[in-house]
Amino acid sequence: MERYIDEWEAMTDRLGFWLDMKHPYRTYEGTYIESVVVEPQAALGPRPPLPGLQGRPLLPRCQTSLSSHELSQGYRTMSLTPPSS
């Protein structure tokens, strides 16, 4: 990822961009991704589901959606709440 930083800085100088190269934001870093995805969601707060929309089955490990093909391979629905004793 850091392979072309020197070339980028030289190009911005040639083009006349005045950028803060000592404190850059890089879109591939976790802090930038979090500021774009997580913070706006937190600001909106919990929202009720829209009528007529269905949830998607998610892979808990990485929160990616599962296709119908993957579901047909024997995934099972699990409760997110622990069983009561």
Protein backbone atom coordinates (compact mmCIF):
# COMPACT_ATOMS: atom_id res chain seq x y z
CA MET A 1 0.00 0.00 0.00
CA GLU A 2 2.82 2.39 0.76
CA ARG A 3 4.61 1.68 -2.49
CA TYR A 4 3.66 4.88 -4.33
CA ILE A 5 3.60 7.44 -1.51
CA ASP A 6 6.72 9.27 -2.72
CA GLU A 7 5.38 9.44 -6.28
CA TRP A 8 2.00 10.72 -5.02
CA GLU A 9 3.67 13.48 -3.00
CA ALA A 10 5.82 14.51 -5.98
CA MET A 11 2.79 14.56 -8.28
CA THR A 12 0.73 16.70 -5.90
CA ASP A 13 3.61 19.20 -5.75
CA ARG A 14 3.81 19.31 -9.57
CA LEU A 15 0.04 19.84 -9.86
CA GLY A 16 -0.02 22.53 -7.20
CA PHE A 17 -2.11 20.70 -4.62
CA TRP A 18 -1.47 21.85 -1.09
CA LEU A 19 -2.13 18.78 1.01
CA ASP A 20 -1.20 17.97 4.58
CA MET A 21 1.18 15.11 3.85
CA LYS A 22 2.30 14.92 7.48
CA HIS A 23 -1.26 13.98 8.60
CA PRO A 24 -2.86 12.21 5.62
CA TYR A 25 -6.05 10.21 5.75
CA ARG A 26 -5.75 6.98 3.88
CA THR A 27 -8.95 5.33 2.79
CA TYR A 28 -7.60 1.82 3.35
CA GLU A 29 -6.90 2.36 7.06
CA GLY A 30 -9.31 1.11 9.68
CA THR A 31 -9.75 4.53 11.30
CA TYR A 32 -10.96 6.05 8.02
CA ILE A 33 -13.28 3.13 7.27
CA GLU A 34 -14.72 3.36 10.77
CA SER A 35 -15.33 7.09 10.42
CA VAL A 36 -17.25 6.55 7.18
CA VAL A 37 -19.27 3.47 8.18
CA VAL A 38 -19.60 3.14 11.95
CA GLU A 39 -19.94 6.74 13.09
CA PRO A 40 -22.86 7.66 10.80
CA GLN A 41 -24.67 4.48 11.85
CA ALA A 42 -24.15 5.37 15.51
CA ALA A 43 -25.46 8.88 14.90
CA LEU A 44 -28.66 7.53 13.33
CA GLY A 45 -29.27 5.19 16.25
CA PRO A 46 -31.35 2.03 16.07
CA ARG A 47 -33.94 2.13 13.33
CA PRO A 48 -36.95 -0.10 12.87
CA PRO A 49 -36.86 -2.34 9.80
CA LEU A 50 -38.62 -1.02 6.74
CA PRO A 51 -41.88 -2.79 5.89
CA GLY A 52 -41.58 -5.42 3.19
CA LEU A 53 -37.82 -5.90 3.61
CA GLN A 54 -36.24 -9.13 4.77
CA GLY A 55 -33.02 -9.49 6.69
CA ARG A 56 -30.13 -11.35 5.17
CA PRO A 57 -28.44 -14.33 6.76
CA LEU A 58 -24.96 -13.30 7.89
CA LEU A 59 -21.78 -15.19 8.54
CA PRO A 60 -21.15 -14.24 12.20
CA ARG A 61 -17.35 -14.31 11.92
CA CYS A 62 -17.03 -11.52 9.37
CA GLN A 63 -20.61 -10.21 9.02
CA THR A 64 -20.84 -10.95 5.30
CA SER A 65 -24.10 -12.10 3.77
CA LEU A 66 -24.58 -15.70 2.73
CA SER A 67 -25.89 -16.67 -0.68
CA SER A 68 -28.82 -19.04 -1.14
CA HIS A 69 -26.31 -21.60 -2.44
CA GLU A 70 -24.30 -21.40 0.79
CA LEU A 71 -27.47 -21.68 2.87
CA SER A 72 -28.51 -24.84 1.05
CA GLN A 73 -25.29 -26.51 2.24
CA GLY A 74 -26.63 -26.99 5.74
CA TYR A 75 -26.18 -23.78 7.68
CA ARG A 76 -28.49 -23.56 10.67
CA THR A 77 -30.13 -20.61 12.37
CA MET A 78 -28.79 -19.90 15.85
CA SER A 79 -30.13 -17.58 18.50
CA LEU A 80 -27.93 -14.66 19.50
CA THR A 81 -29.20 -14.82 23.09
CA PRO A 82 -27.86 -17.47 25.45
CA PRO A 83 -30.32 -20.16 26.55
CA SER A 84 -32.06 -19.46 29.84
CA SER A 85 -31.20 -21.75 32.72
